[in-house]
Amino acid sequence: MKMVTYNIHKGMDGNDKITLNKISKYLKELDCDVICLQEVLYPQFAKLKLDLKMDGVFAMNVNKPSLMYGICTFAKNEIQYHTHVFLTSKKEQRGFLYTNVFSKQGKFNIINTHLGLDQEERKIQISEILDYKQTIVGKNIICGDFNEKNININTFSDAAVITKNNNLCTFEKSNARIDYIFSDYNIIIENYNVEKIYYSDHYPVIGIFC
């Protein structure tokens, strides 16, 4: 299963220039089974769903008249089940999106998240995600923007560490790795890569699993 996690920065590059069409074209060419995005406006999700011709679910972490904003997951095959869970948040509301996705390698449980800016907040949020993980059965992957360097989840493999690519940064401004793909120990990590394209202030993180 090929997947990507990508914080698209509301469809703008690091200089706040609109890049959504370039992001859409890039994601099409990437040809992933699963696409997990963060910092997405609802109209952008709707456009990407049409462009990509994939099944997709949007999770609205922030719901205001002027701002419908959150995370989303797309899949080549039908998403048979999904749920959106809010996480304990100090300021901007954060959450995760759980989806059941299917590929040639079988069913995967995908948890796509965008954590908060405060370190103590993030500890609580990771704990809440892991508590939810205990309620589901199957192969589990947790991915997204964790807003922190050197995150370690003891019960999961870090795809970057396993493939010895943990020196690759994912966030342009601080030259840091803050976007992750974690997988159960029983999932084989075939490949991991970070592509330095400048359509966002983050880089897309790509993994291949079976």
C-alpha atoms as a PDB file:
ATOM      1  CA  MET A   1       0.000   0.000   0.000  1.00  0.00           C
ATOM      2  CA  LYS A   2       1.382   3.368  -1.041  1.00  0.00           C
ATOM      3  CA  MET A   3       0.374   6.367   1.027  1.00  0.00           C
ATOM      4  CA  VAL A   4       1.263  10.009   1.568  1.00  0.00           C
ATOM      5  CA  THR A   5       0.735  12.372   4.488  1.00  0.00           C
ATOM      6  CA  TYR A   6       0.951  16.057   3.594  1.00  0.00           C
ATOM      7  CA  ASN A   7       0.156  19.289   5.418  1.00  0.00           C
ATOM      8  CA  ILE A   8      -0.942  21.461   2.489  1.00  0.00           C
ATOM      9  CA  HIS A   9      -1.006  24.790   4.410  1.00  0.00           C
ATOM     10  CA  LYS A  10      -4.474  25.771   3.084  1.00  0.00           C
ATOM     11  CA  GLY A  11      -3.235  25.213  -0.467  1.00  0.00           C
ATOM     12  CA  MET A  12      -0.429  27.770  -0.224  1.00  0.00           C
ATOM     13  CA  ASP A  13       3.361  27.661  -0.364  1.00  0.00           C
ATOM     14  CA  GLY A  14       5.713  29.115   2.243  1.00  0.00           C
ATOM     15  CA  ASN A  15       5.187  32.589   0.773  1.00  0.00           C
ATOM     16  CA  ASP A  16       1.380  32.240   0.909  1.00  0.00           C
ATOM     17  CA  LYS A  17       1.088  31.906  -2.861  1.00  0.00           C
ATOM     18  CA  ILE A  18      -1.874  29.760  -3.960  1.00  0.00           C
ATOM     19  CA  THR A  19      -0.676  26.335  -5.117  1.00  0.00           C
ATOM     20  CA  LEU A  20      -3.776  24.129  -4.832  1.00  0.00           C
ATOM     21  CA  ASN A  21      -3.855  23.227  -8.534  1.00  0.00           C
ATOM     22  CA  LYS A  22      -0.197  22.209  -8.376  1.00  0.00           C
ATOM     23  CA  ILE A  23      -0.881  20.124  -5.261  1.00  0.00           C
ATOM     24  CA  SER A  24      -3.790  18.413  -7.029  1.00  0.00           C
ATOM     25  CA  LYS A  25      -1.660  17.601 -10.090  1.00  0.00           C
ATOM     26  CA  TYR A  26       1.179  16.347  -7.888  1.00  0.00           C
ATOM     27  CA  LEU A  27      -1.120  14.047  -5.886  1.00  0.00           C
ATOM     28  CA  LYS A  28      -2.605  12.601  -9.091  1.00  0.00           C
ATOM     29  CA  GLU A  29       0.861  11.801 -10.420  1.00  0.00           C
ATOM     30  CA  LEU A  30       1.909  10.292  -7.076  1.00  0.00           C
ATOM     31  CA  ASP A  31      -0.795   7.639  -7.554  1.00  0.00           C
ATOM     32  CA  CYS A  32      -1.189   6.607  -3.912  1.00  0.00           C
ATOM     33  CA  ASP A  33      -3.688   4.161  -2.459  1.00  0.00           C
ATOM     34  CA  VAL A  34      -4.237   6.523   0.475  1.00  0.00           C
ATOM     35  CA  ILE A  35      -3.767  10.288   0.805  1.00  0.00           C
ATOM     36  CA  CYS A  36      -3.858  11.961   4.240  1.00  0.00           C
ATOM     37  CA  LEU A  37      -3.916  15.756   4.262  1.00  0.00           C
ATOM     38  CA  GLN A  38      -3.828  18.364   7.017  1.00  0.00           C
ATOM     39  CA  GLU A  39      -4.658  22.110   7.063  1.00  0.00           C
ATOM     40  CA  VAL A  40      -7.408  21.752   4.480  1.00  0.00           C
ATOM     41  CA  LEU A  41     -10.361  24.093   3.882  1.00  0.00           C
ATOM     42  CA  TYR A  42     -13.627  22.322   3.075  1.00  0.00           C
ATOM     43  CA  PRO A  43     -13.939  23.813  -0.463  1.00  0.00           C
ATOM     44  CA  GLN A  44     -10.395  22.599  -1.138  1.00  0.00           C
ATOM     45  CA  PHE A  45     -11.368  19.085  -0.015  1.00  0.00           C
ATOM     46  CA  ALA A  46     -14.358  19.159  -2.375  1.00  0.00           C
ATOM     47  CA  LYS A  47     -12.181  20.257  -5.297  1.00  0.00           C
ATOM     48  CA  LEU A  48      -9.488  17.662  -4.589  1.00  0.00           C
ATOM     49  CA  LYS A  49     -12.087  14.902  -4.337  1.00  0.00           C
ATOM     50  CA  LEU A  50     -13.343  15.774  -7.805  1.00  0.00           C
ATOM     51  CA  ASP A  51      -9.845  16.163  -9.245  1.00  0.00           C
ATOM     52  CA  LEU A  52      -8.448  12.954  -7.747  1.00  0.00           C
ATOM     53  CA  LYS A  53     -11.573  10.850  -8.403  1.00  0.00           C
ATOM     54  CA  MET A  54     -11.033   9.059  -5.090  1.00  0.00           C
ATOM     55  CA  ASP A  55     -13.327   8.300  -2.195  1.00  0.00           C
ATOM     56  CA  GLY A  56     -12.742  10.845   0.541  1.00  0.00           C
ATOM     57  CA  VAL A  57     -13.772  11.986   4.013  1.00  0.00           C
ATOM     58  CA  PHE A  58     -13.367  15.441   5.549  1.00  0.00           C
ATOM     59  CA  ALA A  59     -13.027  15.985   9.323  1.00  0.00           C
ATOM     60  CA  MET A  60     -13.870  19.536  10.353  1.00  0.00           C
ATOM     61  CA  ASN A  61     -11.795  20.402  13.409  1.00  0.00           C
ATOM     62  CA  VAL A  62     -12.738  24.098  13.170  1.00  0.00           C
ATOM     63  CA  ASN A  63     -16.326  24.951  12.199  1.00  0.00           C
ATOM     64  CA  LYS A  64     -16.981  28.680  11.945  1.00  0.00           C
ATOM     65  CA  PRO A  65     -19.086  30.637   9.426  1.00  0.00           C
ATOM     66  CA  SER A  66     -15.881  32.042   7.933  1.00  0.00           C
ATOM     67  CA  LEU A  67     -13.677  28.958   8.362  1.00  0.00           C
ATOM     68  CA  MET A  68     -14.468  25.274   7.756  1.00  0.00           C
ATOM     69  CA  TYR A  69     -11.072  23.779   8.337  1.00  0.00           C
ATOM     70  CA  GLY A  70      -9.511  20.438   9.197  1.00  0.00           C
ATOM     71  CA  ILE A  71      -8.030  17.222   7.849  1.00  0.00           C
ATOM     72  CA  CYS A  72      -9.084  14.726   5.197  1.00  0.00           C
ATOM     73  CA  THR A  73      -8.310  11.251   3.902  1.00  0.00           C
ATOM     74  CA  PHE A  74      -8.714   9.973   0.337  1.00  0.00           C
ATOM     75  CA  ALA A  75      -8.587   6.339  -0.809  1.00  0.00           C
ATOM     76  CA  LYS A  76      -8.581   4.591  -4.188  1.00  0.00           C
ATOM     77  CA  ASN A  77     -11.054   2.030  -2.900  1.00  0.00           C
ATOM     78  CA  GLU A  78     -14.277   2.718  -1.042  1.00  0.00           C
ATOM     79  CA  ILE A  79     -13.892   3.849   2.557  1.00  0.00           C
ATOM     80  CA  GLN A  80     -16.295   1.522   4.338  1.00  0.00           C
ATOM     81  CA  TYR A  81     -16.082   3.093   7.773  1.00  0.00           C
ATOM     82  CA  HIS A  82     -14.805   6.349   9.210  1.00  0.00           C
ATOM     83  CA  THR A  83     -15.084   8.432  12.356  1.00  0.00           C
ATOM     84  CA  HIS A  84     -13.871  11.846  13.473  1.00  0.00           C
ATOM     85  CA  VAL A  85     -12.706  12.298  17.073  1.00  0.00           C
ATOM     86  CA  PHE A  86     -11.902  15.628  18.720  1.00  0.00           C
ATOM     87  CA  LEU A  87      -8.767  15.737  20.846  1.00  0.00           C
ATOM     88  CA  THR A  88      -8.254  17.695  24.064  1.00  0.00           C
ATOM     89  CA  SER A  89      -7.140  21.124  22.835  1.00  0.00           C
ATOM     90  CA  LYS A  90      -6.009  24.317  24.552  1.00  0.00           C
ATOM     91  CA  LYS A  91      -6.569  26.786  21.713  1.00  0.00           C
ATOM     92  CA  GLU A  92      -7.347  25.693  18.166  1.00  0.00           C
ATOM     93  CA  GLN A  93      -9.454  22.534  18.189  1.00  0.00           C
ATOM     94  CA  ARG A  94      -7.530  19.460  17.054  1.00  0.00           C
ATOM     95  CA  GLY A  95      -8.703  15.974  16.163  1.00  0.00           C
ATOM     96  CA  PHE A  96      -8.061  12.791  14.226  1.00  0.00           C
ATOM     97  CA  LEU A  97      -9.822  11.033  11.375  1.00  0.00           C
ATOM     98  CA  TYR A  98     -10.026   7.240  11.452  1.00  0.00           C
ATOM     99  CA  THR A  99     -10.734   5.397   8.202  1.00  0.00           C
ATOM    100  CA  ASN A 100     -10.860   1.773   7.097  1.00  0.00           C
ATOM    101  CA  VAL A 101      -9.069   1.490   3.754  1.00  0.00           C
ATOM    102  CA  PHE A 102      -8.436  -1.474   1.492  1.00  0.00           C
ATOM    103  CA  SER A 103      -5.586  -2.198  -0.888  1.00  0.00           C
ATOM    104  CA  LYS A 104      -4.058  -5.242  -2.567  1.00  0.00           C
ATOM    105  CA  GLN A 105      -2.243  -5.834   0.740  1.00  0.00           C
ATOM    106  CA  GLY A 106      -5.528  -6.032   2.657  1.00  0.00           C
ATOM    107  CA  LYS A 107      -7.312  -3.761   5.120  1.00  0.00           C
ATOM    108  CA  PHE A 108      -5.514  -0.970   6.971  1.00  0.00           C
ATOM    109  CA  ASN A 109      -6.742   1.225   9.800  1.00  0.00           C
ATOM    110  CA  ILE A 110      -5.525   4.762   9.065  1.00  0.00           C
ATOM    111  CA  ILE A 111      -5.479   7.473  11.737  1.00  0.00           C
ATOM    112  CA  ASN A 112      -4.761  10.892  10.216  1.00  0.00           C
ATOM    113  CA  THR A 113      -4.103  13.695  12.709  1.00  0.00           C
ATOM    114  CA  HIS A 114      -2.810  17.227  13.253  1.00  0.00           C
ATOM    115  CA  LEU A 115      -1.625  17.837  16.802  1.00  0.00           C
ATOM    116  CA  GLY A 116      -1.478  21.077  18.788  1.00  0.00           C
ATOM    117  CA  LEU A 117       1.310  23.584  19.357  1.00  0.00           C
ATOM    118  CA  ASP A 118       1.806  22.992  23.102  1.00  0.00           C
ATOM    119  CA  GLN A 119       4.021  20.098  24.252  1.00  0.00           C
ATOM    120  CA  GLU A 120       1.816  19.019  27.177  1.00  0.00           C
ATOM    121  CA  GLU A 121      -1.221  19.260  24.918  1.00  0.00           C
ATOM    122  CA  ARG A 122       0.447  16.944  22.398  1.00  0.00           C
ATOM    123  CA  LYS A 123       1.225  14.338  25.073  1.00  0.00           C
ATOM    124  CA  ILE A 124      -2.448  14.188  26.008  1.00  0.00           C
ATOM    125  CA  GLN A 125      -3.502  14.067  22.360  1.00  0.00           C
ATOM    126  CA  ILE A 126      -1.148  11.169  21.553  1.00  0.00           C
ATOM    127  CA  SER A 127      -2.433   9.316  24.612  1.00  0.00           C
ATOM    128  CA  GLU A 128      -6.016   9.798  23.407  1.00  0.00           C
ATOM    129  CA  ILE A 129      -5.121   8.480  19.945  1.00  0.00           C
ATOM    130  CA  LEU A 130      -3.460   5.407  21.453  1.00  0.00           C
ATOM    131  CA  ASP A 131      -6.496   4.804  23.680  1.00  0.00           C
ATOM    132  CA  TYR A 132      -8.691   4.813  20.571  1.00  0.00           C
ATOM    133  CA  LYS A 133      -6.279   2.469  18.808  1.00  0.00           C
ATOM    134  CA  GLN A 134      -7.013  -0.132  21.492  1.00  0.00           C
ATOM    135  CA  THR A 135     -10.648  -0.250  20.318  1.00  0.00           C
ATOM    136  CA  ILE A 136      -9.896  -1.289  16.716  1.00  0.00           C
ATOM    137  CA  VAL A 137      -8.625  -4.530  15.206  1.00  0.00           C
ATOM    138  CA  GLY A 138      -6.241  -4.955  12.276  1.00  0.00           C
ATOM    139  CA  LYS A 139      -3.171  -3.289  10.799  1.00  0.00           C
ATOM    140  CA  ASN A 140      -2.808   0.246  12.148  1.00  0.00           C
ATOM    141  CA  ILE A 141      -1.047   3.309  10.758  1.00  0.00           C
ATOM    142  CA  ILE A 142      -0.931   6.713  12.481  1.00  0.00           C
ATOM    143  CA  CYS A 143       0.224   9.658  10.409  1.00  0.00           C
ATOM    144  CA  GLY A 144       0.106  13.410  10.117  1.00  0.00           C
ATOM    145  CA  ASP A 145       1.584  16.645  11.396  1.00  0.00           C
ATOM    146  CA  PHE A 146       2.691  16.144  15.020  1.00  0.00           C
ATOM    147  CA  ASN A 147       4.220  19.629  15.408  1.00  0.00           C
ATOM    148  CA  GLU A 148       7.224  18.220  17.283  1.00  0.00           C
ATOM    149  CA  LYS A 149      10.667  16.803  16.574  1.00  0.00           C
ATOM    150  CA  ASN A 150      11.845  13.394  17.814  1.00  0.00           C
ATOM    151  CA  ILE A 151       8.420  11.953  18.573  1.00  0.00           C
ATOM    152  CA  ASN A 152       8.539   8.317  19.665  1.00  0.00           C
ATOM    153  CA  ILE A 153       5.565   5.995  20.094  1.00  0.00           C
ATOM    154  CA  ASN A 154       6.822   2.863  21.838  1.00  0.00           C
ATOM    155  CA  THR A 155       4.224   0.489  20.395  1.00  0.00           C
ATOM    156  CA  PHE A 156       4.732   1.621  16.778  1.00  0.00           C
ATOM    157  CA  SER A 157       7.512   1.644  14.192  1.00  0.00           C
ATOM    158  CA  ASP A 158       8.583   5.024  12.832  1.00  0.00           C
ATOM    159  CA  ALA A 159       8.867   4.504   9.059  1.00  0.00           C
ATOM    160  CA  ALA A 160      11.631   7.119   8.794  1.00  0.00           C
ATOM    161  CA  VAL A 161      13.729   5.500  11.531  1.00  0.00           C
ATOM    162  CA  ILE A 162      13.252   1.955  10.206  1.00  0.00           C
ATOM    163  CA  THR A 163      14.418   3.022   6.727  1.00  0.00           C
ATOM    164  CA  LYS A 164      17.203   5.216   8.156  1.00  0.00           C
ATOM    165  CA  ASN A 165      15.713   8.375   6.690  1.00  0.00           C
ATOM    166  CA  ASN A 166      15.021  10.218   9.946  1.00  0.00           C
ATOM    167  CA  ASN A 167      17.491  12.918   8.869  1.00  0.00           C
ATOM    168  CA  LEU A 168      15.053  14.101   6.181  1.00  0.00           C
ATOM    169  CA  CYS A 169      13.187  17.232   7.259  1.00  0.00           C
ATOM    170  CA  THR A 170       9.470  17.649   6.542  1.00  0.00           C
ATOM    171  CA  PHE A 171       8.915  21.289   7.546  1.00  0.00           C
ATOM    172  CA  GLU A 172      10.660  23.884   5.424  1.00  0.00           C
ATOM    173  CA  LYS A 173      10.784  26.852   7.832  1.00  0.00           C
ATOM    174  CA  SER A 174      12.541  25.090  10.710  1.00  0.00           C
ATOM    175  CA  ASN A 175      14.284  22.411   8.641  1.00  0.00           C
ATOM    176  CA  ALA A 176      12.795  19.849  11.048  1.00  0.00           C
ATOM    177  CA  ARG A 177      11.017  16.498  10.864  1.00  0.00           C
ATOM    178  CA  ILE A 178       7.576  17.037  12.411  1.00  0.00           C
ATOM    179  CA  ASP A 179       5.434  14.959  10.019  1.00  0.00           C
ATOM    180  CA  TYR A 180       5.383  11.203  10.650  1.00  0.00           C
ATOM    181  CA  ILE A 181       4.104   7.824   9.546  1.00  0.00           C
ATOM    182  CA  PHE A 182       3.950   5.276  12.382  1.00  0.00           C
ATOM    183  CA  SER A 183       2.927   1.662  11.778  1.00  0.00           C
ATOM    184  CA  ASP A 184       2.252  -1.483  13.799  1.00  0.00           C
ATOM    185  CA  TYR A 185       5.256  -3.751  14.257  1.00  0.00           C
ATOM    186  CA  ASN A 186       3.589  -6.438  12.102  1.00  0.00           C
ATOM    187  CA  ILE A 187       3.463  -4.133   9.055  1.00  0.00           C
ATOM    188  CA  ILE A 188       6.396  -4.371   6.647  1.00  0.00           C
ATOM    189  CA  ILE A 189       7.799  -0.954   5.686  1.00  0.00           C
ATOM    190  CA  GLU A 190       9.022  -1.295   2.105  1.00  0.00           C
ATOM    191  CA  ASN A 191       9.942   2.319   1.416  1.00  0.00           C
ATOM    192  CA  TYR A 192       9.875   5.843   2.876  1.00  0.00           C
ATOM    193  CA  ASN A 193      10.640   9.175   1.264  1.00  0.00           C
ATOM    194  CA  VAL A 194      10.221  12.918   1.736  1.00  0.00           C
ATOM    195  CA  GLU A 195       9.895  14.868  -1.510  1.00  0.00           C
ATOM    196  CA  LYS A 196      11.201  18.431  -1.380  1.00  0.00           C
ATOM    197  CA  ILE A 197       8.548  20.196  -3.404  1.00  0.00           C
ATOM    198  CA  TYR A 198       7.564  23.744  -2.503  1.00  0.00           C
ATOM    199  CA  TYR A 199       3.770  23.740  -2.852  1.00  0.00           C
ATOM    200  CA  SER A 200       3.313  24.110   0.939  1.00  0.00           C
ATOM    201  CA  ASP A 201       5.447  25.027   3.939  1.00  0.00           C
ATOM    202  CA  HIS A 202       5.622  21.255   4.584  1.00  0.00           C
ATOM    203  CA  TYR A 203       6.915  18.479   2.337  1.00  0.00           C
ATOM    204  CA  PRO A 204       4.917  15.353   1.441  1.00  0.00           C
ATOM    205  CA  VAL A 205       5.944  12.206   3.317  1.00  0.00           C
ATOM    206  CA  ILE A 206       5.481   8.971   1.366  1.00  0.00           C
ATOM    207  CA  GLY A 207       5.496   5.387   2.605  1.00  0.00           C
ATOM    208  CA  ILE A 208       4.960   1.974   1.056  1.00  0.00           C
ATOM    209  CA  PHE A 209       3.685  -0.806   3.341  1.00  0.00           C
ATOM    210  CA  CYS A 210       2.500  -4.380   3.221  1.00  0.00           C
END
